[in-house]
Amino acid sequence: MRALSTDNVDTAQLLVFVRAVNENFELTQELAGMASLHVRTTGEDIFGGVNSVLENLDVQWSKLASVTTDGHLL
């Protein structure tokens, strides 16, 4: 659900993608948002970034079926 890289000033950029299935069982995937992690990239910081993106979209955690990462702890 995320990708983490740094920009040209070494600020980590967290990209949050959402994958969904509609009523016709068609799969879609979109970039939901981005969060800048200015100081650290701990699990707590990454969770805060994901949570911020979800709050901006008014998505509740209880509506998610699963959360996956690229191998880093969330």
Protein backbone atom coordinates (compact mmCIF):
# COMPACT_ATOMS: atom_id res chain seq x y z
CA MET A 1 0.00 0.00 0.00
CA ARG A 2 2.97 2.29 0.01
CA ALA A 3 6.20 3.23 -1.67
CA LEU A 4 8.93 5.16 0.09
CA SER A 5 11.71 7.14 -1.58
CA THR A 6 13.44 10.45 -1.05
CA ASP A 7 13.27 13.67 -3.02
CA ASN A 8 16.19 15.92 -3.99
CA VAL A 9 16.55 17.28 -0.41
CA ASP A 10 16.42 13.82 1.25
CA THR A 11 12.84 14.15 2.52
CA ALA A 12 11.17 10.74 2.47
CA GLN A 13 8.03 10.68 0.33
CA LEU A 14 5.38 8.12 1.25
CA LEU A 15 3.04 7.20 -1.62
CA VAL A 16 -0.22 5.54 -0.60
CA PHE A 17 -2.07 3.49 -3.19
CA VAL A 18 -5.59 2.10 -2.81
CA ARG A 19 -6.80 -0.98 -4.62
CA ALA A 20 -10.54 -1.61 -4.72
CA VAL A 21 -13.14 -3.89 -6.26
CA ASN A 22 -16.36 -2.31 -7.48
CA GLU A 23 -19.86 -3.80 -7.64
CA ASN A 24 -18.99 -5.40 -11.02
CA PHE A 25 -15.93 -7.07 -9.48
CA GLU A 26 -13.59 -4.87 -11.50
CA LEU A 27 -10.26 -4.13 -9.87
CA THR A 28 -8.99 -0.56 -9.75
CA GLN A 29 -5.84 0.90 -8.25
CA GLU A 30 -5.14 4.59 -7.68
CA LEU A 31 -2.64 6.82 -5.99
CA ALA A 32 -4.58 7.91 -2.90
CA GLY A 33 -2.08 10.51 -1.74
CA MET A 34 1.40 11.37 -0.62
CA ALA A 35 2.86 12.24 2.76
CA SER A 36 6.28 13.77 3.41
CA LEU A 37 8.22 12.26 6.30
CA HIS A 38 10.62 15.01 7.28
CA VAL A 39 12.55 13.57 10.22
CA ARG A 40 12.27 9.78 10.48
CA THR A 41 10.78 6.80 8.69
CA THR A 42 9.90 4.57 11.62
CA GLY A 43 6.80 2.37 11.57
CA GLU A 44 5.04 4.97 13.70
CA ASP A 45 5.90 7.76 11.25
CA ILE A 46 4.80 5.69 8.26
CA PHE A 47 1.53 4.79 10.01
CA GLY A 48 0.94 8.48 10.70
CA GLY A 49 1.47 9.30 7.02
CA VAL A 50 -0.90 6.58 5.85
CA ASN A 51 -3.46 7.61 8.46
CA SER A 52 -3.23 11.23 7.32
CA VAL A 53 -3.88 10.26 3.68
CA LEU A 54 -6.85 8.11 4.69
CA GLU A 55 -8.28 10.90 6.87
CA ASN A 56 -7.99 13.37 3.98
CA LEU A 57 -10.04 10.96 1.86
CA ASP A 58 -12.49 10.30 4.72
CA VAL A 59 -11.68 6.57 4.60
CA GLN A 60 -12.15 4.64 7.85
CA TRP A 61 -9.71 1.89 8.79
CA SER A 62 -12.69 -0.39 9.48
CA LYS A 63 -13.56 -0.26 5.75
CA LEU A 64 -10.19 -1.75 4.74
CA ALA A 65 -10.00 -5.47 4.07
CA SER A 66 -6.21 -5.62 4.32
CA VAL A 67 -3.08 -3.49 4.37
CA THR A 68 0.14 -4.51 2.65
CA THR A 69 3.56 -2.92 2.45
CA ASP A 70 6.73 -3.37 0.44
CA GLY A 71 8.24 -5.31 3.33
CA HIS A 72 8.75 -2.51 5.84
CA LEU A 73 6.80 -2.69 9.07
CA LEU A 74 3.67 -0.57 9.24
